[in-house]
Amino acid sequence: MEMQEKVMVADALAGMNASLKSYADFISQTEHPELRQTLIQIRNSDEASQFELFHLAKAKGYYVPAANATQEEIQNVKSTFSR
Protein backbone atom coordinates (compact mmCIF):
# COMPACT_ATOMS: atom_id res chain seq x y z
CA MET A 1 0.00 0.00 0.00
CA GLU A 2 2.82 2.42 0.89
CA MET A 3 4.47 1.95 -2.51
CA GLN A 4 1.21 2.78 -4.31
CA GLU A 5 0.82 5.91 -2.21
CA LYS A 6 4.43 6.90 -2.87
CA VAL A 7 3.91 6.52 -6.64
CA MET A 8 0.65 8.47 -6.52
CA VAL A 9 2.28 11.31 -4.58
CA ALA A 10 5.23 11.38 -6.99
CA ASP A 11 2.87 11.47 -9.97
CA ALA A 12 0.82 14.25 -8.39
CA LEU A 13 3.95 16.31 -7.68
CA ALA A 14 5.24 15.80 -11.22
CA GLY A 15 1.89 16.89 -12.67
CA MET A 16 1.70 19.92 -10.42
CA ASN A 17 5.25 20.94 -11.29
CA ALA A 18 4.48 20.68 -15.01
CA SER A 19 1.34 22.77 -14.55
CA LEU A 20 3.25 25.45 -12.65
CA LYS A 21 5.75 25.72 -15.49
CA SER A 22 2.90 26.09 -17.96
CA TYR A 23 1.33 28.88 -15.91
CA ALA A 24 4.54 30.91 -16.29
CA ASP A 25 4.21 30.66 -20.07
CA PHE A 26 0.50 31.50 -20.05
CA ILE A 27 0.93 34.48 -17.73
CA SER A 28 3.82 35.96 -19.68
CA GLN A 29 1.83 35.71 -22.93
CA THR A 30 -1.48 37.06 -21.62
CA GLU A 31 -2.30 40.68 -22.38
CA HIS A 32 -5.80 40.88 -20.87
CA PRO A 33 -5.37 42.19 -17.28
CA GLU A 34 -8.26 40.24 -15.72
CA LEU A 35 -7.27 36.97 -17.34
CA ARG A 36 -3.64 37.56 -16.34
CA GLN A 37 -4.68 38.20 -12.73
CA THR A 38 -6.89 35.09 -12.70
CA LEU A 39 -4.01 32.95 -13.99
CA ILE A 40 -1.71 34.41 -11.34
CA GLN A 41 -4.25 33.58 -8.61
CA ILE A 42 -4.65 30.01 -9.89
CA ARG A 43 -0.88 29.60 -10.09
CA ASN A 44 -0.43 30.91 -6.54
CA SER A 45 -3.06 28.50 -5.23
CA ASP A 46 -1.47 25.59 -7.09
CA GLU A 47 1.97 26.55 -5.76
CA ALA A 48 0.61 26.45 -2.21
CA SER A 49 -0.95 23.02 -2.84
CA GLN A 50 2.26 21.73 -4.40
CA PHE A 51 4.25 22.95 -1.39
CA GLU A 52 1.87 21.20 1.02
CA LEU A 53 2.13 17.95 -0.94
CA PHE A 54 5.91 18.30 -1.06
CA HIS A 55 6.01 18.61 2.75
CA LEU A 56 3.75 15.56 3.11
CA ALA A 57 5.97 13.54 0.78
CA LYS A 58 9.08 14.66 2.63
CA ALA A 59 7.56 13.84 6.04
CA LYS A 60 6.62 10.34 4.87
CA GLY A 61 10.09 9.76 3.44
CA TYR A 62 8.77 9.60 -0.14
CA TYR A 63 10.95 12.49 -1.21
CA VAL A 64 14.47 13.31 -0.11
CA PRO A 65 15.53 16.75 -1.30
CA ALA A 66 19.07 17.56 -2.34
CA ALA A 67 21.44 18.86 0.31
CA ASN A 68 21.23 22.57 1.09
CA ALA A 69 23.49 24.80 -0.97
CA THR A 70 26.56 26.23 0.71
CA GLN A 71 26.93 29.99 1.13
CA GLU A 72 29.60 29.90 -1.58
CA GLU A 73 27.23 28.17 -4.02
CA ILE A 74 24.50 30.68 -3.24
CA GLN A 75 26.89 33.57 -3.78
CA ASN A 76 28.03 32.10 -7.12
CA VAL A 77 24.44 31.89 -8.34
CA LYS A 78 23.70 35.42 -7.15
CA SER A 79 26.72 36.81 -8.94
CA THR A 80 25.86 34.93 -12.12
CA PHE A 81 22.36 36.37 -12.30
CA SER A 82 23.11 39.90 -11.10
CA ARG A 83 25.42 40.84 -13.96
PDB file of N, CA and C in Angstrom:
ATOM      1  N   MET A   1       0.828  -1.200   0.000  1.00  0.00           N
ATOM      2  CA  MET A   1       0.000   0.000   0.000  1.00  0.00           C
ATOM      3  C   MET A   1       0.867   1.256   0.000  1.00  0.00           C
ATOM      4  N   GLU A   2       1.958   1.251   0.805  1.00  0.00           N
ATOM      5  CA  GLU A   2       2.820   2.422   0.888  1.00  0.00           C
ATOM      6  C   GLU A   2       3.456   2.743  -0.468  1.00  0.00           C
ATOM      7  N   MET A   3       3.846   1.703  -1.212  1.00  0.00           N
ATOM      8  CA  MET A   3       4.466   1.948  -2.509  1.00  0.00           C
ATOM      9  C   MET A   3       3.471   2.608  -3.464  1.00  0.00           C
ATOM     10  N   GLN A   4       2.221   2.163  -3.451  1.00  0.00           N
ATOM     11  CA  GLN A   4       1.214   2.785  -4.306  1.00  0.00           C
ATOM     12  C   GLN A   4       1.026   4.260  -3.944  1.00  0.00           C
ATOM     13  N   GLU A   5       0.980   4.530  -2.654  1.00  0.00           N
ATOM     14  CA  GLU A   5       0.816   5.906  -2.212  1.00  0.00           C
ATOM     15  C   GLU A   5       2.016   6.745  -2.629  1.00  0.00           C
ATOM     16  N   LYS A   6       3.202   6.194  -2.487  1.00  0.00           N
ATOM     17  CA  LYS A   6       4.426   6.903  -2.872  1.00  0.00           C
ATOM     18  C   LYS A   6       4.402   7.236  -4.365  1.00  0.00           C
ATOM     19  N   VAL A   7       3.986   6.297  -5.190  1.00  0.00           N
ATOM     20  CA  VAL A   7       3.915   6.518  -6.636  1.00  0.00           C
ATOM     21  C   VAL A   7       2.847   7.563  -6.959  1.00  0.00           C
ATOM     22  N   MET A   8       1.720   7.497  -6.282  1.00  0.00           N
ATOM     23  CA  MET A   8       0.651   8.470  -6.518  1.00  0.00           C
ATOM     24  C   MET A   8       1.099   9.877  -6.132  1.00  0.00           C
ATOM     25  N   VAL A   9       1.787   9.999  -5.019  1.00  0.00           N
ATOM     26  CA  VAL A   9       2.278  11.309  -4.581  1.00  0.00           C
ATOM     27  C   VAL A   9       3.317  11.829  -5.574  1.00  0.00           C
ATOM     28  N   ALA A  10       4.214  10.970  -6.017  1.00  0.00           N
ATOM     29  CA  ALA A  10       5.233  11.380  -6.990  1.00  0.00           C
ATOM     30  C   ALA A  10       4.585  11.826  -8.299  1.00  0.00           C
ATOM     31  N   ASP A  11       3.585  11.091  -8.742  1.00  0.00           N
ATOM     32  CA  ASP A  11       2.870  11.471  -9.969  1.00  0.00           C
ATOM     33  C   ASP A  11       2.160  12.814  -9.799  1.00  0.00           C
ATOM     34  N   ALA A  12       1.530  12.992  -8.650  1.00  0.00           N
ATOM     35  CA  ALA A  12       0.822  14.251  -8.395  1.00  0.00           C
ATOM     36  C   ALA A  12       1.800  15.423  -8.370  1.00  0.00           C
ATOM     37  N   LEU A  13       2.938  15.248  -7.717  1.00  0.00           N
ATOM     38  CA  LEU A  13       3.947  16.307  -7.683  1.00  0.00           C
ATOM     39  C   LEU A  13       4.472  16.619  -9.080  1.00  0.00           C
ATOM     40  N   ALA A  14       4.742  15.592  -9.858  1.00  0.00           N
ATOM     41  CA  ALA A  14       5.239  15.797 -11.222  1.00  0.00           C
ATOM     42  C   ALA A  14       4.210  16.560 -12.060  1.00  0.00           C
ATOM     43  N   GLY A  15       2.950  16.192 -11.933  1.00  0.00           N
ATOM     44  CA  GLY A  15       1.893  16.886 -12.667  1.00  0.00           C
ATOM     45  C   GLY A  15       1.747  18.327 -12.240  1.00  0.00           C
ATOM     46  N   MET A  16       1.812  18.557 -10.936  1.00  0.00           N
ATOM     47  CA  MET A  16       1.699  19.918 -10.419  1.00  0.00           C
ATOM     48  C   MET A  16       2.876  20.772 -10.883  1.00  0.00           C
ATOM     49  N   ASN A  17       4.065  20.200 -10.856  1.00  0.00           N
ATOM     50  CA  ASN A  17       5.246  20.941 -11.294  1.00  0.00           C
ATOM     51  C   ASN A  17       5.143  21.311 -12.770  1.00  0.00           C
ATOM     52  N   ALA A  18       4.656  20.397 -13.580  1.00  0.00           N
ATOM     53  CA  ALA A  18       4.480  20.682 -15.011  1.00  0.00           C
ATOM     54  C   ALA A  18       3.447  21.790 -15.206  1.00  0.00           C
ATOM     55  N   SER A  19       2.374  21.738 -14.447  1.00  0.00           N
ATOM     56  CA  SER A  19       1.344  22.774 -14.554  1.00  0.00           C
ATOM     57  C   SER A  19       1.893  24.143 -14.154  1.00  0.00           C
ATOM     58  N   LEU A  20       2.683  24.174 -13.094  1.00  0.00           N
ATOM     59  CA  LEU A  20       3.254  25.447 -12.649  1.00  0.00           C
ATOM     60  C   LEU A  20       4.154  26.052 -13.716  1.00  0.00           C
ATOM     61  N   LYS A  21       4.902  25.216 -14.399  1.00  0.00           N
ATOM     62  CA  LYS A  21       5.754  25.721 -15.488  1.00  0.00           C
ATOM     63  C   LYS A  21       4.896  26.272 -16.622  1.00  0.00           C
ATOM     64  N   SER A  22       3.796  25.622 -16.903  1.00  0.00           N
ATOM     65  CA  SER A  22       2.898  26.094 -17.964  1.00  0.00           C
ATOM     66  C   SER A  22       2.266  27.438 -17.598  1.00  0.00           C
ATOM     67  N   TYR A  23       1.914  27.615 -16.325  1.00  0.00           N
ATOM     68  CA  TYR A  23       1.333  28.883 -15.912  1.00  0.00           C
ATOM     69  C   TYR A  23       2.281  30.039 -16.211  1.00  0.00           C
ATOM     70  N   ALA A  24       3.574  29.845 -16.008  1.00  0.00           N
ATOM     71  CA  ALA A  24       4.543  30.907 -16.293  1.00  0.00           C
ATOM     72  C   ALA A  24       4.453  31.323 -17.755  1.00  0.00           C
ATOM     73  N   ASP A  25       4.351  30.350 -18.642  1.00  0.00           N
ATOM     74  CA  ASP A  25       4.209  30.663 -20.069  1.00  0.00           C
ATOM     75  C   ASP A  25       2.902  31.397 -20.350  1.00  0.00           C
ATOM     76  N   PHE A  26       1.812  30.883 -19.802  1.00  0.00           N
ATOM     77  CA  PHE A  26       0.503  31.496 -20.046  1.00  0.00           C
ATOM     78  C   PHE A  26       0.467  32.942 -19.543  1.00  0.00           C
ATOM     79  N   ILE A  27       0.968  33.152 -18.336  1.00  0.00           N
ATOM     80  CA  ILE A  27       0.927  34.477 -17.728  1.00  0.00           C
ATOM     81  C   ILE A  27       1.760  35.465 -18.542  1.00  0.00           C
ATOM     82  N   SER A  28       2.951  35.043 -18.949  1.00  0.00           N
ATOM     83  CA  SER A  28       3.824  35.963 -19.685  1.00  0.00           C
ATOM     84  C   SER A  28       3.283  36.293 -21.069  1.00  0.00           C
ATOM     85  N   GLN A  29       2.366  35.483 -21.582  1.00  0.00           N
ATOM     86  CA  GLN A  29       1.832  35.711 -22.926  1.00  0.00           C
ATOM     87  C   GLN A  29       0.400  36.251 -22.921  1.00  0.00           C
ATOM     88  N   THR A  30      -0.103  36.583 -21.736  1.00  0.00           N
ATOM     89  CA  THR A  30      -1.479  37.062 -21.624  1.00  0.00           C
ATOM     90  C   THR A  30      -1.500  38.575 -21.485  1.00  0.00           C
ATOM     91  N   GLU A  31      -2.222  39.225 -22.386  1.00  0.00           N
ATOM     92  CA  GLU A  31      -2.304  40.685 -22.376  1.00  0.00           C
ATOM     93  C   GLU A  31      -3.491  41.185 -21.547  1.00  0.00           C
ATOM     94  N   HIS A  32      -4.585  40.443 -21.552  1.00  0.00           N
ATOM     95  CA  HIS A  32      -5.803  40.881 -20.869  1.00  0.00           C
ATOM     96  C   HIS A  32      -5.566  40.899 -19.352  1.00  0.00           C
ATOM     97  N   PRO A  33      -5.702  42.066 -18.710  1.00  0.00           N
ATOM     98  CA  PRO A  33      -5.369  42.192 -17.278  1.00  0.00           C
ATOM     99  C   PRO A  33      -6.156  41.254 -16.362  1.00  0.00           C
ATOM    100  N   GLU A  34      -7.449  41.096 -16.602  1.00  0.00           N
ATOM    101  CA  GLU A  34      -8.256  40.244 -15.719  1.00  0.00           C
ATOM    102  C   GLU A  34      -7.889  38.781 -15.877  1.00  0.00           C
ATOM    103  N   LEU A  35      -7.677  38.359 -17.113  1.00  0.00           N
ATOM    104  CA  LEU A  35      -7.266  36.973 -17.342  1.00  0.00           C
ATOM    105  C   LEU A  35      -5.892  36.724 -16.733  1.00  0.00           C
ATOM    106  N   ARG A  36      -5.000  37.684 -16.914  1.00  0.00           N
ATOM    107  CA  ARG A  36      -3.644  37.557 -16.342  1.00  0.00           C
ATOM    108  C   ARG A  36      -3.722  37.416 -14.820  1.00  0.00           C
ATOM    109  N   GLN A  37      -4.543  38.253 -14.185  1.00  0.00           N
ATOM    110  CA  GLN A  37      -4.683  38.201 -12.725  1.00  0.00           C
ATOM    111  C   GLN A  37      -5.298  36.877 -12.284  1.00  0.00           C
ATOM    112  N   THR A  38      -6.271  36.378 -13.026  1.00  0.00           N
ATOM    113  CA  THR A  38      -6.892  35.093 -12.703  1.00  0.00           C
ATOM    114  C   THR A  38      -5.862  33.966 -12.793  1.00  0.00           C
ATOM    115  N   LEU A  39      -5.055  33.981 -13.836  1.00  0.00           N
ATOM    116  CA  LEU A  39      -4.011  32.952 -13.986  1.00  0.00           C
ATOM    117  C   LEU A  39      -2.991  33.030 -12.853  1.00  0.00           C
ATOM    118  N   ILE A  40      -2.653  34.235 -12.453  1.00  0.00           N
ATOM    119  CA  ILE A  40      -1.709  34.414 -11.336  1.00  0.00           C
ATOM    120  C   ILE A  40      -2.307  33.842 -10.053  1.00  0.00           C
ATOM    121  N   GLN A  41      -3.596  34.104  -9.813  1.00  0.00           N
ATOM    122  CA  GLN A  41      -4.250  33.581  -8.611  1.00  0.00           C
ATOM    123  C   GLN A  41      -4.303  32.056  -8.625  1.00  0.00           C
ATOM    124  N   ILE A  42      -4.617  31.483  -9.777  1.00  0.00           N
ATOM    125  CA  ILE A  42      -4.653  30.013  -9.892  1.00  0.00           C
ATOM    126  C   ILE A  42      -3.262  29.438  -9.657  1.00  0.00           C
ATOM    127  N   ARG A  43      -2.259  30.066 -10.274  1.00  0.00           N
ATOM    128  CA  ARG A  43      -0.884  29.601 -10.089  1.00  0.00           C
ATOM    129  C   ARG A  43      -0.476  29.658  -8.616  1.00  0.00           C
ATOM    130  N   ASN A  44      -0.790  30.764  -7.954  1.00  0.00           N
ATOM    131  CA  ASN A  44      -0.426  30.909  -6.544  1.00  0.00           C
ATOM    132  C   ASN A  44      -1.091  29.832  -5.688  1.00  0.00           C
ATOM    133  N   SER A  45      -2.341  29.550  -5.964  1.00  0.00           N
ATOM    134  CA  SER A  45      -3.056  28.503  -5.234  1.00  0.00           C
ATOM    135  C   SER A  45      -2.424  27.138  -5.492  1.00  0.00           C
ATOM    136  N   ASP A  46      -2.107  26.873  -6.750  1.00  0.00           N
ATOM    137  CA  ASP A  46      -1.472  25.593  -7.090  1.00  0.00           C
ATOM    138  C   ASP A  46      -0.090  25.463  -6.473  1.00  0.00           C
ATOM    139  N   GLU A  47       0.652  26.580  -6.404  1.00  0.00           N
ATOM    140  CA  GLU A  47       1.970  26.554  -5.758  1.00  0.00           C
ATOM    141  C   GLU A  47       1.834  26.193  -4.279  1.00  0.00           C
ATOM    142  N   ALA A  48       0.838  26.748  -3.627  1.00  0.00           N
ATOM    143  CA  ALA A  48       0.607  26.448  -2.214  1.00  0.00           C
ATOM    144  C   ALA A  48       0.255  24.970  -2.034  1.00  0.00           C
ATOM    145  N   SER A  49      -0.584  24.442  -2.916  1.00  0.00           N
ATOM    146  CA  SER A  49      -0.950  23.018  -2.843  1.00  0.00           C
ATOM    147  C   SER A  49       0.258  22.124  -3.105  1.00  0.00           C
ATOM    148  N   GLN A  50       1.057  22.511  -4.085  1.00  0.00           N
ATOM    149  CA  GLN A  50       2.262  21.730  -4.403  1.00  0.00           C
ATOM    150  C   GLN A  50       3.196  21.715  -3.207  1.00  0.00           C
ATOM    151  N   PHE A  51       3.352  22.855  -2.538  1.00  0.00           N
ATOM    152  CA  PHE A  51       4.252  22.954  -1.389  1.00  0.00           C
ATOM    153  C   PHE A  51       3.754  22.085  -0.238  1.00  0.00           C
ATOM    154  N   GLU A  52       2.444  22.061  -0.020  1.00  0.00           N
ATOM    155  CA  GLU A  52       1.872  21.200   1.016  1.00  0.00           C
ATOM    156  C   GLU A  52       2.125  19.726   0.703  1.00  0.00           C
ATOM    157  N   LEU A  53       1.903  19.335  -0.546  1.00  0.00           N
ATOM    158  CA  LEU A  53       2.128  17.950  -0.935  1.00  0.00           C
ATOM    159  C   LEU A  53       3.597  17.588  -0.832  1.00  0.00           C
ATOM    160  N   PHE A  54       4.467  18.521  -1.207  1.00  0.00           N
ATOM    161  CA  PHE A  54       5.908  18.304  -1.060  1.00  0.00           C
ATOM    162  C   PHE A  54       6.262  18.018   0.397  1.00  0.00           C
ATOM    163  N   HIS A  55       5.716  18.819   1.317  1.00  0.00           N
ATOM    164  CA  HIS A  55       6.007  18.606   2.748  1.00  0.00           C
ATOM    165  C   HIS A  55       5.466  17.260   3.231  1.00  0.00           C
ATOM    166  N   LEU A  56       4.302  16.867   2.761  1.00  0.00           N
ATOM    167  CA  LEU A  56       3.749  15.557   3.109  1.00  0.00           C
ATOM    168  C   LEU A  56       4.672  14.442   2.608  1.00  0.00           C
ATOM    169  N   ALA A  57       5.087  14.559   1.359  1.00  0.00           N
ATOM    170  CA  ALA A  57       5.971  13.540   0.778  1.00  0.00           C
ATOM    171  C   ALA A  57       7.292  13.475   1.530  1.00  0.00           C
ATOM    172  N   LYS A  58       7.815  14.617   1.885  1.00  0.00           N
ATOM    173  CA  LYS A  58       9.084  14.665   2.631  1.00  0.00           C
ATOM    174  C   LYS A  58       8.915  14.041   4.023  1.00  0.00           C
ATOM    175  N   ALA A  59       7.813  14.370   4.698  1.00  0.00           N
ATOM    176  CA  ALA A  59       7.565  13.842   6.045  1.00  0.00           C
ATOM    177  C   ALA A  59       7.409  12.326   6.040  1.00  0.00           C
ATOM    178  N   LYS A  60       6.824  11.787   4.964  1.00  0.00           N
ATOM    179  CA  LYS A  60       6.621  10.341   4.873  1.00  0.00           C
ATOM    180  C   LYS A  60       7.848   9.611   4.330  1.00  0.00           C
ATOM    181  N   GLY A  61       8.872  10.372   3.967  1.00  0.00           N
ATOM    182  CA  GLY A  61      10.088   9.763   3.436  1.00  0.00           C
ATOM    183  C   GLY A  61       9.986   9.381   1.963  1.00  0.00           C
ATOM    184  N   TYR A  62       8.954   9.897   1.288  1.00  0.00           N
ATOM    185  CA  TYR A  62       8.768   9.596  -0.136  1.00  0.00           C
ATOM    186  C   TYR A  62       9.675  10.454  -1.010  1.00  0.00           C
ATOM    187  N   TYR A  63      10.134  11.550  -0.454  1.00  0.00           N
ATOM    188  CA  TYR A  63      10.951  12.486  -1.214  1.00  0.00           C
ATOM    189  C   TYR A  63      12.092  12.952  -0.329  1.00  0.00           C
ATOM    190  N   VAL A  64      13.296  12.836  -0.842  1.00  0.00           N
ATOM    191  CA  VAL A  64      14.468  13.308  -0.114  1.00  0.00           C
ATOM    192  C   VAL A  64      15.095  14.413  -0.960  1.00  0.00           C
ATOM    193  N   PRO A  65      14.988  15.652  -0.515  1.00  0.00           N
ATOM    194  CA  PRO A  65      15.530  16.753  -1.302  1.00  0.00           C
ATOM    195  C   PRO A  65      17.053  16.732  -1.306  1.00  0.00           C
ATOM    196  N   ALA A  66      17.619  17.429  -2.257  1.00  0.00           N
ATOM    197  CA  ALA A  66      19.074  17.558  -2.336  1.00  0.00           C
ATOM    198  C   ALA A  66      19.567  18.308  -1.104  1.00  0.00           C
ATOM    199  N   ALA A  67      20.842  18.161  -0.826  1.00  0.00           N
ATOM    200  CA  ALA A  67      21.438  18.864   0.308  1.00  0.00           C
ATOM    201  C   ALA A  67      21.342  20.373   0.092  1.00  0.00           C
ATOM    202  N   ASN A  68      21.282  21.106   1.180  1.00  0.00           N
ATOM    203  CA  ASN A  68      21.228  22.566   1.090  1.00  0.00           C
ATOM    204  C   ASN A  68      22.498  23.095   0.439  1.00  0.00           C
ATOM    205  N   ALA A  69      22.342  24.159  -0.315  1.00  0.00           N
ATOM    206  CA  ALA A  69      23.486  24.800  -0.966  1.00  0.00           C
ATOM    207  C   ALA A  69      24.350  25.474   0.089  1.00  0.00           C
ATOM    208  N   THR A  70      25.636  25.514  -0.185  1.00  0.00           N
ATOM    209  CA  THR A  70      26.556  26.226   0.706  1.00  0.00           C
ATOM    210  C   THR A  70      26.446  27.724   0.432  1.00  0.00           C
ATOM    211  N   GLN A  71      26.941  28.539   1.334  1.00  0.00           N
ATOM    212  CA  GLN A  71      26.932  29.987   1.126  1.00  0.00           C
ATOM    213  C   GLN A  71      27.726  30.350  -0.125  1.00  0.00           C
ATOM    214  N   GLU A  72      28.797  29.634  -0.383  1.00  0.00           N
ATOM    215  CA  GLU A  72      29.604  29.904  -1.578  1.00  0.00           C
ATOM    216  C   GLU A  72      28.799  29.609  -2.853  1.00  0.00           C
ATOM    217  N   GLU A  73      28.063  28.509  -2.857  1.00  0.00           N
ATOM    218  CA  GLU A  73      27.233  28.173  -4.020  1.00  0.00           C
ATOM    219  C   GLU A  73      26.135  29.221  -4.236  1.00  0.00           C
ATOM    220  N   ILE A  74      25.539  29.658  -3.154  1.00  0.00           N
ATOM    221  CA  ILE A  74      24.501  30.685  -3.238  1.00  0.00           C
ATOM    222  C   ILE A  74      25.084  31.968  -3.799  1.00  0.00           C
ATOM    223  N   GLN A  75      26.239  32.353  -3.311  1.00  0.00           N
ATOM    224  CA  GLN A  75      26.888  33.571  -3.778  1.00  0.00           C
ATOM    225  C   GLN A  75      27.244  33.478  -5.258  1.00  0.00           C
ATOM    226  N   ASN A  76      27.702  32.299  -5.702  1.00  0.00           N
ATOM    227  CA  ASN A  76      28.033  32.100  -7.116  1.00  0.00           C
ATOM    228  C   ASN A  76      26.802  32.282  -8.001  1.00  0.00           C
ATOM    229  N   VAL A  77      25.675  31.739  -7.571  1.00  0.00           N
ATOM    230  CA  VAL A  77      24.441  31.888  -8.344  1.00  0.00           C
ATOM    231  C   VAL A  77      24.004  33.353  -8.372  1.00  0.00           C
ATOM    232  N   LYS A  78      24.068  34.005  -7.219  1.00  0.00           N
ATOM    233  CA  LYS A  78      23.698  35.424  -7.154  1.00  0.00           C
ATOM    234  C   LYS A  78      24.555  36.255  -8.098  1.00  0.00           C
ATOM    235  N   SER A  79      25.839  36.012  -8.085  1.00  0.00           N
ATOM    236  CA  SER A  79      26.723  36.814  -8.943  1.00  0.00           C
ATOM    237  C   SER A  79      26.499  36.515 -10.414  1.00  0.00           C
ATOM    238  N   THR A  80      26.141  35.282 -10.739  1.00  0.00           N
ATOM    239  CA  THR A  80      25.862  34.929 -12.122  1.00  0.00           C
ATOM    240  C   THR A  80      24.640  35.654 -12.652  1.00  0.00           C
ATOM    241  N   PHE A  81      23.606  35.776 -11.846  1.00  0.00           N
ATOM    242  CA  PHE A  81      22.359  36.371 -12.298  1.00  0.00           C
ATOM    243  C   PHE A  81      22.249  37.869 -12.043  1.00  0.00           C
ATOM    244  N   SER A  82      23.211  38.461 -11.381  1.00  0.00           N
ATOM    245  CA  SER A  82      23.112  39.900 -11.100  1.00  0.00           C
ATOM    246  C   SER A  82      24.044  40.702 -11.995  1.00  0.00           C
ATOM    247  N   ARG A  83      24.494  40.118 -13.047  1.00  0.00           N
ATOM    248  CA  ARG A  83      25.419  40.838 -13.955  1.00  0.00           C
ATOM    249  C   ARG A  83      24.709  41.768 -14.848  1.00  0.00           C
TER     250      ARG A  83
END
